Amino acid sequence: MINHPEPAAAPDPTEKPLRQRRSPCDEDGDPNTARCVKNYVLDTNVLLHDPNSLVNFQDNHVLIPIEVLEEIDRFKRESSELGQNARAVSRALDALRGKGRLKDGVKLENGGTLRVIFHDTKEGAPFGSATADNRILAAALGIQKAGPKTRTILITKDINLRLKADALGLAAEDYETDRIFLTDLYTGMVEKTVAPEVIAKFRANGEMELNGGGTYSPNEFCTLIEEGNPKKAALTKVDATGRKLIPIGDFREGVWGIKPRNREQHYALDALLDDRVKLVTMMGKAGTGKTLLAMAAGLKRTVHDREFRRLVVARPTISMGKELGFLPGTLEEKLSPWMQPIHDALELLTDLNMGHEHRRSTDLMRSGAIVVEALSYIRGRSIANQFMIIDEAQNLTPLEVKTIITRVGAGTKIVFTGDPYQIDNPYVDSSSNGFNYVVSKFRSQPIAAHIELQKGERSELAELAANIL
């Protein structure tokens, strides 16, 4: 059904996504060589979460209860992401209908088949209720009963529906194809202990060949620690080729009044101010300085260096806790509560630079040098020659992140900041959000860099709260 799950307990990170699983089967040949072909019954929320899920089950049987089509039809007129996904699913199914009858099954490009199934409500539904959930359960149970030799699995993002299926003896799983578990998430930095002469040679030559010794990603930051003296270290990063280490920039004098307080903040400023890097992702708990560092770098490159036309700061309009309801006023007045954290950061940066002839944030916004906006209106735009910051990106879905990045035009740099432990969007969790997704997918790209900020610098109280609460 359309119900989305409340934040779920993290699944086993060692479990492979659905598309990677293999198991022997005694139905289609030798169990030592044949792979078990399974029936996957998809719930509505799976299709609304990822319209491409239809083709993500390899050469298995994908089954869609007719109740799912009814629910998809209710969403197709919405202007939201759910409405767009519903329309995409409808178009995909209509295209398949041209290849054959959906009732009988249509061959998919990946070798599997897709079929729309129907359960006669006269036969009753589980738990004595004919709700959409229970009718979907009944359809899946009917498939399992009709073909007991073929394993039938209900795929749903609804936790309660998975519990119901388990109570009825039906296998049920979450849709995990686009999940990136926090335990597997790329941190963007490593440590390497070397002899004192190696560090001395690195500082003299300005580079160091890696010569194997592990797999490194482009722009991955590396701390060279002196053997026997851990207090002596050099901050470096892997070059675009992934074959050698090079020094990072020196930012001890600060950027727009902000001085890095730890090595991760040094790394973050290097990525933010590196012209070769077009996409930066910054992960960290509350108070680590993600937004402030990004905005300081953006102001420097936009206002001082004039390398970009303007600084664009955007964030999703998702509240923490209960919604306040209708907000009166103009668009700017409606967005004001959501964008107040951005204004707070701008005011702080202005206060730090009052003696440096920098204009106030209000003047910069009036002149168009800084634009603060919601993400709701980004679709269809082409954003060129701008420094773009997407704050609170952990509340975005993988599709929304794709939509944002594909809006980026020539000469634009985009920065995502996020904390997967602070998610307010009920439709994603710590492993299915778009921030994790983009970090994982862009890890090997020379134009992307990621850094995890680990130490809180907002205040002693904020750091203590982030750690113990």
Protein backbone atom coordinates (compact mmCIF):
# COMPACT_ATOMS: atom_id res chain seq x y z
CA MET A 1 0.00 0.00 0.00
CA ILE A 2 1.04 3.65 -0.06
CA ASN A 3 1.91 3.83 3.65
CA HIS A 4 5.56 4.59 4.13
CA PRO A 5 7.44 3.09 7.06
CA GLU A 6 8.42 4.92 10.17
CA PRO A 7 12.24 4.98 10.58
CA ALA A 8 13.28 1.36 10.63
CA ALA A 9 16.03 -0.44 12.44
CA ALA A 10 19.09 -0.66 10.23
CA PRO A 11 19.06 -3.92 8.23
CA ASP A 12 21.96 -6.31 8.33
CA PRO A 13 24.74 -4.51 6.39
CA THR A 14 26.21 -7.84 5.30
CA GLU A 15 23.04 -8.76 3.41
CA LYS A 16 23.33 -8.22 -0.33
CA PRO A 17 20.76 -6.20 -2.29
CA LEU A 18 17.99 -8.11 -4.03
CA ARG A 19 19.56 -7.87 -7.45
CA GLN A 20 22.72 -9.60 -6.23
CA ARG A 21 21.20 -12.58 -4.44
CA ARG A 22 21.62 -16.11 -5.75
CA SER A 23 20.22 -19.39 -4.47
CA PRO A 24 19.91 -22.92 -5.88
CA CYS A 25 16.52 -24.22 -6.91
CA ASP A 26 15.18 -27.73 -7.49
CA GLU A 27 12.56 -26.59 -9.99
CA ASP A 28 14.40 -25.50 -13.13
CA GLY A 29 17.22 -28.01 -13.47
CA ASP A 30 20.24 -29.23 -11.57
CA PRO A 31 20.25 -27.58 -8.10
CA ASN A 32 24.06 -27.35 -8.34
CA THR A 33 23.96 -25.21 -11.48
CA ALA A 34 20.50 -23.67 -11.75
CA ARG A 35 19.42 -20.46 -10.07
CA CYS A 36 16.06 -20.31 -8.34
CA VAL A 37 13.60 -18.16 -10.26
CA LYS A 38 11.45 -16.34 -7.71
CA ASN A 39 8.15 -14.47 -7.68
CA TYR A 40 8.49 -10.88 -6.44
CA VAL A 41 5.17 -9.24 -5.57
CA LEU A 42 5.65 -5.44 -5.48
CA ASP A 43 3.77 -3.10 -3.17
CA THR A 44 2.73 0.40 -4.25
CA ASN A 45 5.32 2.19 -2.13
CA VAL A 46 8.15 0.34 -3.88
CA LEU A 47 7.08 1.67 -7.29
CA LEU A 48 6.53 5.18 -5.91
CA HIS A 49 9.98 5.10 -4.30
CA ASP A 50 11.75 3.86 -7.43
CA PRO A 51 9.88 3.63 -10.75
CA ASN A 52 12.82 1.65 -12.16
CA SER A 53 12.29 -1.12 -9.62
CA LEU A 54 10.33 -3.01 -12.30
CA VAL A 55 13.61 -4.01 -13.95
CA ASN A 56 15.76 -4.43 -10.83
CA PHE A 57 14.92 -8.06 -10.11
CA GLN A 58 17.07 -9.75 -12.78
CA ASP A 59 15.38 -12.63 -14.60
CA ASN A 60 12.78 -13.32 -11.93
CA HIS A 61 9.00 -12.94 -12.12
CA VAL A 62 7.76 -9.45 -11.14
CA LEU A 63 4.10 -9.49 -10.09
CA ILE A 64 1.95 -6.40 -9.55
CA PRO A 65 -1.43 -6.79 -7.81
CA ILE A 66 -4.22 -4.84 -9.50
CA GLU A 67 -4.77 -3.00 -6.19
CA VAL A 68 -1.35 -1.43 -6.71
CA LEU A 69 -2.48 -0.01 -10.05
CA GLU A 70 -5.52 1.51 -8.33
CA GLU A 71 -3.30 3.26 -5.80
CA ILE A 72 -0.87 4.41 -8.49
CA ASP A 73 -3.84 5.97 -10.30
CA ARG A 74 -4.68 8.08 -7.22
CA PHE A 75 -1.22 9.66 -7.23
CA LYS A 76 -0.70 10.36 -10.93
CA ARG A 77 -2.29 13.85 -10.85
CA GLU A 78 -0.10 15.15 -8.03
CA SER A 79 2.66 17.65 -8.84
CA SER A 80 4.91 16.14 -6.15
CA GLU A 81 7.70 13.60 -6.60
CA LEU A 82 5.20 10.83 -5.80
CA GLY A 83 2.98 12.05 -8.64
CA GLN A 84 5.90 12.12 -11.05
CA ASN A 85 6.90 8.59 -10.05
CA ALA A 86 3.32 7.38 -10.41
CA ARG A 87 3.16 8.75 -13.96
CA ALA A 88 6.52 7.15 -14.79
CA VAL A 89 5.24 3.76 -13.60
CA SER A 90 2.04 4.11 -15.63
CA ARG A 91 4.00 5.00 -18.79
CA ALA A 92 6.37 2.06 -18.28
CA LEU A 93 3.51 -0.39 -17.83
CA ASP A 94 1.67 1.01 -20.84
CA ALA A 95 4.79 0.54 -22.97
CA LEU A 96 5.03 -3.08 -21.81
CA ARG A 97 1.36 -3.58 -22.66
CA GLY A 98 2.31 -3.05 -26.29
CA LYS A 99 4.48 -6.18 -26.11
CA GLY A 100 1.78 -8.48 -24.81
CA ARG A 101 -1.04 -8.93 -22.32
CA LEU A 102 -0.02 -7.94 -18.78
CA LYS A 103 -2.37 -10.60 -17.45
CA ASP A 104 -0.40 -13.35 -19.18
CA GLY A 105 3.04 -11.88 -18.53
CA VAL A 106 5.38 -9.69 -20.59
CA LYS A 107 9.08 -10.33 -21.11
CA LEU A 108 11.38 -7.67 -19.63
CA GLU A 109 14.68 -6.54 -21.14
CA ASN A 110 16.63 -8.04 -18.22
CA GLY A 111 15.22 -11.51 -18.94
CA GLY A 112 12.50 -11.52 -16.31
CA THR A 113 8.76 -11.30 -16.77
CA LEU A 114 6.15 -8.87 -15.50
CA ARG A 115 2.57 -9.79 -14.81
CA VAL A 116 -0.42 -8.01 -13.28
CA ILE A 117 -2.27 -10.33 -10.88
CA PHE A 118 -5.84 -10.27 -9.58
CA HIS A 119 -7.29 -11.82 -6.44
CA ASP A 120 -11.04 -12.43 -6.33
CA THR A 121 -12.29 -10.67 -3.19
CA LYS A 122 -15.07 -13.29 -2.91
CA GLU A 123 -12.43 -15.67 -1.63
CA GLY A 124 -11.87 -13.36 1.32
CA ALA A 125 -8.85 -11.46 2.59
CA PRO A 126 -6.51 -12.08 5.53
CA PHE A 127 -7.61 -10.82 8.93
CA GLY A 128 -11.19 -10.55 7.67
CA SER A 129 -10.67 -7.07 6.19
CA ALA A 130 -10.68 -6.06 2.53
CA THR A 131 -8.27 -3.14 2.88
CA ALA A 132 -5.79 -2.56 0.07
CA ASP A 133 -2.99 -4.00 2.24
CA ASN A 134 -4.89 -7.16 2.90
CA ARG A 135 -5.94 -7.59 -0.72
CA ILE A 136 -2.27 -7.31 -1.76
CA LEU A 137 -1.45 -9.93 0.88
CA ALA A 138 -4.21 -12.15 -0.43
CA ALA A 139 -2.91 -11.85 -4.00
CA ALA A 140 0.63 -12.77 -2.88
CA LEU A 141 -0.66 -15.72 -0.84
CA GLY A 142 -2.65 -16.88 -3.86
CA ILE A 143 0.53 -16.88 -5.99
CA GLN A 144 2.38 -18.81 -3.29
CA LYS A 145 -0.41 -21.39 -3.05
CA ALA A 146 -0.64 -21.81 -6.85
CA GLY A 147 3.11 -22.43 -7.24
CA PRO A 148 4.56 -23.77 -3.98
CA LYS A 149 7.82 -24.86 -5.67
CA THR A 150 8.66 -21.26 -6.66
CA ARG A 151 9.51 -18.98 -3.78
CA THR A 152 7.16 -15.99 -3.49
CA ILE A 153 8.40 -12.81 -1.79
CA LEU A 154 6.40 -9.67 -1.02
CA ILE A 155 8.53 -6.54 -1.53
CA THR A 156 7.28 -3.57 0.49
CA LYS A 157 8.64 -0.59 2.35
CA ASP A 158 5.75 -0.78 4.81
CA ILE A 159 7.04 -2.34 8.04
CA ASN A 160 3.59 -3.38 9.28
CA LEU A 161 2.78 -5.08 5.99
CA ARG A 162 6.01 -7.09 6.27
CA LEU A 163 4.97 -8.12 9.79
CA LYS A 164 1.53 -9.20 8.56
CA ALA A 165 3.10 -11.24 5.75
CA ASP A 166 5.42 -12.97 8.18
CA ALA A 167 2.47 -13.83 10.43
CA LEU A 168 0.80 -15.53 7.44
CA GLY A 169 3.91 -17.51 6.46
CA LEU A 170 4.74 -15.32 3.46
CA ALA A 171 8.30 -14.14 2.90
CA ALA A 172 8.55 -10.33 2.90
CA GLU A 173 11.50 -8.02 2.36
CA ASP A 174 12.26 -4.32 2.09
CA TYR A 175 13.35 -2.88 -1.26
CA GLU A 176 17.12 -2.60 -0.77
CA THR A 177 18.50 -2.00 -4.25
CA ASP A 178 19.35 1.67 -3.59
CA ARG A 179 20.24 1.31 0.09
CA ILE A 180 23.65 2.51 1.25
CA PHE A 181 24.18 1.46 4.85
CA LEU A 182 25.94 3.86 7.20
CA THR A 183 28.42 1.15 8.22
CA ASP A 184 29.54 0.92 4.58
CA LEU A 185 29.47 4.65 3.82
CA TYR A 186 32.65 6.18 2.44
CA THR A 187 34.28 8.59 4.95
CA GLY A 188 36.49 10.37 2.43
CA MET A 189 39.69 10.06 4.45
CA VAL A 190 42.29 7.55 5.60
CA GLU A 191 45.37 7.51 7.80
CA LYS A 192 48.76 6.18 6.78
CA THR A 193 51.70 5.68 9.16
CA VAL A 194 55.08 6.24 7.50
CA ALA A 195 58.72 6.73 8.46
CA PRO A 196 59.90 10.30 9.27
CA GLU A 197 62.04 10.42 6.12
CA VAL A 198 58.97 9.67 3.98
CA ILE A 199 57.16 12.73 5.33
CA ALA A 200 60.29 14.83 4.86
CA LYS A 201 60.60 13.64 1.26
CA PHE A 202 56.91 14.37 0.64
CA ARG A 203 57.28 17.93 1.90
CA ALA A 204 60.37 18.44 -0.22
CA ASN A 205 58.93 17.01 -3.45
CA GLY A 206 55.30 18.06 -3.00
CA GLU A 207 54.04 14.58 -3.91
CA MET A 208 54.37 10.91 -3.04
CA GLU A 209 53.72 7.87 -5.19
CA LEU A 210 51.29 5.43 -3.56
CA ASN A 211 52.79 2.37 -5.29
CA GLY A 212 49.86 0.13 -4.49
CA GLY A 213 49.35 -0.68 -0.84
CA GLY A 214 45.58 -0.38 -1.08
CA THR A 215 42.83 1.08 -3.23
CA TYR A 216 42.36 4.84 -3.07
CA SER A 217 39.67 7.06 -4.53
CA PRO A 218 40.38 10.33 -6.36
CA ASN A 219 40.37 13.30 -3.94
CA GLU A 220 40.39 10.99 -0.92
CA PHE A 221 42.11 12.79 1.95
CA CYS A 222 45.01 11.11 3.71
CA THR A 223 46.79 11.96 6.96
CA LEU A 224 50.43 10.91 6.87
CA ILE A 225 51.38 10.14 10.48
CA GLU A 226 55.02 9.97 11.50
CA GLU A 227 55.98 6.56 12.83
CA GLY A 228 56.74 6.75 16.56
CA ASN A 229 55.50 10.32 16.84
CA PRO A 230 51.73 10.49 16.14
CA LYS A 231 51.65 14.24 16.91
CA LYS A 232 53.62 14.91 13.74
CA ALA A 233 51.56 14.55 10.58
CA ALA A 234 51.05 15.91 7.07
CA LEU A 235 47.63 16.57 5.55
CA THR A 236 47.44 15.28 1.98
CA LYS A 237 44.98 14.04 -0.61
CA VAL A 238 44.94 11.55 -3.45
CA ASP A 239 45.25 13.22 -6.85
CA ALA A 240 42.71 12.84 -9.66
CA THR A 241 44.49 9.74 -11.02
CA GLY A 242 44.38 7.91 -7.68
CA ARG A 243 48.10 7.09 -7.91
CA LYS A 244 49.87 9.65 -5.74
CA LEU A 245 49.44 11.97 -2.77
CA ILE A 246 49.64 15.75 -3.09
CA PRO A 247 49.45 18.50 -0.43
CA ILE A 248 46.18 20.22 0.42
CA GLY A 249 45.83 24.00 0.57
CA ASP A 250 46.92 26.06 3.57
CA PHE A 251 43.86 27.62 5.19
CA ARG A 252 45.25 28.53 8.60
CA GLU A 253 44.56 32.22 7.91
CA GLY A 254 40.90 31.40 7.41
CA VAL A 255 38.31 31.78 4.66
CA TRP A 256 35.82 34.65 4.96
CA GLY A 257 36.60 34.89 8.68
CA ILE A 258 36.27 31.15 9.34
CA LYS A 259 39.44 29.36 10.48
CA PRO A 260 39.47 25.54 10.39
CA ARG A 261 39.65 24.06 13.91
CA ASN A 262 40.50 20.45 13.03
CA ARG A 263 41.92 18.43 10.16
CA GLU A 264 38.51 17.49 8.74
CA GLN A 265 37.64 21.16 8.39
CA HIS A 266 40.98 21.71 6.60
CA TYR A 267 40.03 18.89 4.23
CA ALA A 268 36.56 20.36 3.71
CA LEU A 269 37.90 23.79 2.77
CA ASP A 270 40.35 22.21 0.34
CA ALA A 271 37.52 20.40 -1.46
CA LEU A 272 35.27 23.47 -1.40
CA LEU A 273 37.93 25.74 -2.91
CA ASP A 274 39.39 23.26 -5.44
CA ASP A 275 38.28 24.35 -8.91
CA ARG A 276 38.74 20.82 -10.28
CA VAL A 277 36.11 19.46 -7.90
CA LYS A 278 32.59 20.18 -9.13
CA LEU A 279 30.65 18.16 -6.55
CA VAL A 280 31.37 18.15 -2.81
CA THR A 281 29.51 16.12 -0.18
CA MET A 282 30.00 16.98 3.50
CA MET A 283 28.64 14.69 6.19
CA GLY A 284 28.65 15.43 9.90
CA LYS A 285 26.55 15.59 13.03
CA ALA A 286 25.07 18.84 14.34
CA GLY A 287 27.65 21.52 15.08
CA THR A 288 30.52 20.22 12.97
CA GLY A 289 30.46 23.29 10.73
CA LYS A 290 29.13 21.82 7.48
CA THR A 291 26.89 24.69 6.45
CA LEU A 292 29.16 27.44 7.78
CA LEU A 293 32.24 26.15 5.93
CA ALA A 294 30.29 25.70 2.70
CA MET A 295 28.86 29.21 2.87
CA ALA A 296 32.22 30.79 3.76
CA ALA A 297 33.82 29.11 0.74
CA GLY A 298 30.87 30.07 -1.44
CA LEU A 299 31.04 33.73 -0.41
CA LYS A 300 34.78 33.85 -1.06
CA ARG A 301 34.50 32.36 -4.51
CA THR A 302 31.40 34.37 -5.46
CA VAL A 303 31.74 37.79 -3.82
CA HIS A 304 35.50 38.16 -3.37
CA ASP A 305 36.99 36.11 -6.24
CA ARG A 306 34.01 36.64 -8.60
CA GLU A 307 34.46 33.16 -10.02
CA PHE A 308 30.71 32.46 -9.88
CA ARG A 309 27.71 34.57 -10.81
CA ARG A 310 25.95 34.05 -7.47
CA LEU A 311 25.75 31.88 -4.36
CA VAL A 312 22.58 29.78 -4.30
CA VAL A 313 21.59 28.13 -1.01
CA ALA A 314 18.64 25.73 -0.97
CA ARG A 315 17.18 23.21 1.42
CA PRO A 316 14.16 20.88 1.47
CA THR A 317 11.07 22.29 3.20
CA ILE A 318 10.57 19.47 5.69
CA SER A 319 9.83 20.37 9.30
CA MET A 320 10.88 18.63 12.49
CA GLY A 321 7.82 17.40 14.33
CA LYS A 322 4.22 18.44 13.70
CA GLU A 323 3.48 20.75 10.77
CA LEU A 324 2.43 24.33 11.61
CA GLY A 325 -0.15 24.37 8.84
CA PHE A 326 -0.85 27.16 6.36
CA LEU A 327 1.68 30.01 6.31
CA PRO A 328 0.34 33.39 5.12
CA GLY A 329 2.20 35.96 3.08
CA THR A 330 4.32 36.09 -0.05
CA LEU A 331 6.59 33.26 -1.22
CA GLU A 332 9.56 34.84 0.59
CA GLU A 333 7.54 35.10 3.80
CA LYS A 334 6.38 31.51 3.52
CA LEU A 335 9.96 30.28 3.04
CA SER A 336 11.39 32.40 5.85
CA PRO A 337 10.95 29.80 8.67
CA TRP A 338 12.64 27.10 6.57
CA MET A 339 15.53 29.31 5.53
CA GLN A 340 16.24 30.91 8.90
CA PRO A 341 19.28 28.64 9.57
CA ILE A 342 20.82 29.97 6.35
CA HIS A 343 20.21 33.56 7.43
CA ASP A 344 21.75 32.78 10.84
CA ALA A 345 24.93 31.50 9.16
CA LEU A 346 25.05 34.55 6.87
CA GLU A 347 24.72 36.92 9.83
CA LEU A 348 27.53 35.13 11.67
CA LEU A 349 29.81 35.34 8.64
CA THR A 350 28.96 39.04 8.25
CA ASP A 351 29.77 39.74 11.91
CA LEU A 352 33.15 38.00 11.53
CA ASN A 353 34.04 40.25 8.59
CA MET A 354 32.77 43.66 9.64
CA GLY A 355 36.31 45.04 9.59
CA HIS A 356 37.09 43.72 6.12
CA GLU A 357 34.80 45.94 4.02
CA HIS A 358 32.43 43.07 3.29
CA ARG A 359 28.81 44.00 2.72
CA ARG A 360 26.04 42.85 5.03
CA SER A 361 24.15 39.70 4.07
CA THR A 362 20.97 41.72 3.47
CA ASP A 363 22.81 43.91 0.95
CA LEU A 364 24.27 40.86 -0.78
CA MET A 365 20.82 39.31 -1.05
CA ARG A 366 19.28 42.50 -2.41
CA SER A 367 21.99 42.70 -5.07
CA GLY A 368 21.36 39.07 -6.10
CA ALA A 369 24.84 37.86 -5.08
CA ILE A 370 23.16 35.46 -2.62
CA VAL A 371 19.93 33.64 -3.39
CA VAL A 372 18.14 31.54 -0.76
CA GLU A 373 15.37 29.31 -2.09
CA ALA A 374 13.43 26.08 -1.65
CA LEU A 375 14.10 23.00 -3.74
CA SER A 376 10.45 22.70 -4.76
CA TYR A 377 10.95 24.81 -7.90
CA ILE A 378 14.24 23.46 -9.23
CA ARG A 379 12.79 21.07 -11.80
CA GLY A 380 13.23 22.32 -15.35
CA ARG A 381 15.94 24.85 -14.52
CA SER A 382 19.49 24.99 -15.87
CA ILE A 383 21.83 26.46 -13.25
CA ALA A 384 25.10 27.69 -14.79
CA ASN A 385 28.12 29.53 -13.34
CA GLN A 386 26.86 29.40 -9.76
CA PHE A 387 28.11 28.12 -6.41
CA MET A 388 25.23 25.99 -5.15
CA ILE A 389 24.77 24.63 -1.63
CA ILE A 390 22.09 22.04 -0.84
CA ASP A 391 21.66 21.99 2.93
CA GLU A 392 20.04 19.13 4.92
CA ALA A 393 20.43 16.79 1.95
CA GLN A 394 19.76 13.73 4.11
CA ASN A 395 16.04 14.51 3.72
CA LEU A 396 16.17 14.00 -0.05
CA THR A 397 15.35 10.81 -1.94
CA PRO A 398 17.80 9.34 -4.49
CA LEU A 399 15.55 10.56 -7.32
CA GLU A 400 15.44 14.10 -5.91
CA VAL A 401 19.24 14.17 -5.69
CA LYS A 402 19.46 13.04 -9.31
CA THR A 403 17.00 15.76 -10.32
CA ILE A 404 19.08 18.43 -8.58
CA ILE A 405 22.46 17.35 -9.99
CA THR A 406 21.09 17.08 -13.52
CA ARG A 407 20.05 20.76 -13.28
CA VAL A 408 23.70 21.80 -12.91
CA GLY A 409 24.98 23.70 -15.93
CA ALA A 410 28.46 24.65 -17.13
CA GLY A 411 30.72 26.32 -14.59
CA THR A 412 28.58 25.46 -11.55
CA LYS A 413 29.89 23.86 -8.36
CA ILE A 414 27.41 22.04 -6.12
CA VAL A 415 27.83 21.18 -2.44
CA PHE A 416 25.62 18.78 -0.47
CA THR A 417 25.67 18.89 3.33
CA GLY A 418 23.87 16.32 5.43
CA ASP A 419 23.61 14.25 8.58
CA PRO A 420 22.00 10.82 7.98
CA TYR A 421 21.37 10.53 11.73
CA GLN A 422 18.97 13.52 11.64
CA ILE A 423 16.23 12.66 9.16
CA ASP A 424 12.84 14.39 9.28
CA ASN A 425 11.48 13.04 5.98
CA PRO A 426 9.21 10.07 6.81
CA TYR A 427 9.79 8.55 3.35
CA VAL A 428 13.52 7.88 3.75
CA ASP A 429 15.77 6.54 6.48
CA SER A 430 19.46 6.43 7.35
CA SER A 431 20.27 4.00 4.55
CA SER A 432 17.80 4.93 1.77
CA ASN A 433 18.28 8.71 1.62
CA GLY A 434 19.68 10.52 -1.40
CA PHE A 435 22.70 11.93 0.43
CA ASN A 436 24.17 8.47 1.09
CA TYR A 437 23.33 7.51 -2.47
CA VAL A 438 25.28 10.35 -4.10
CA VAL A 439 28.27 9.85 -1.75
CA SER A 440 28.51 6.20 -2.77
CA LYS A 441 27.90 6.68 -6.50
CA PHE A 442 30.40 9.54 -6.96
CA ARG A 443 33.21 8.03 -4.87
CA SER A 444 35.33 7.05 -7.87
CA GLN A 445 34.80 10.24 -9.88
CA PRO A 446 37.76 12.69 -10.18
CA ILE A 447 35.43 15.71 -10.11
CA ALA A 448 33.85 14.74 -6.76
CA ALA A 449 35.10 14.86 -3.18
CA HIS A 450 33.60 13.75 0.13
CA ILE A 451 34.56 14.42 3.72
CA GLU A 452 33.02 13.34 7.02
CA LEU A 453 33.30 16.01 9.71
CA GLN A 454 33.57 14.20 13.03
CA LYS A 455 34.22 16.77 15.75
CA GLY A 456 31.58 19.26 16.84
CA GLU A 457 32.80 22.84 17.09
CA ARG A 458 29.57 24.78 17.74
CA SER A 459 29.87 24.70 21.52
CA GLU A 460 30.82 22.35 24.33
CA LEU A 461 27.14 21.84 25.16
CA ALA A 462 26.15 21.14 21.53
CA GLU A 463 28.95 18.59 21.15
CA LEU A 464 27.99 16.86 24.41
CA ALA A 465 24.32 16.72 23.36
CA ALA A 466 25.16 15.31 19.92
CA ASN A 467 27.20 12.52 21.56
CA ILE A 468 25.05 11.46 24.52
CA LEU A 469 21.43 12.19 23.58
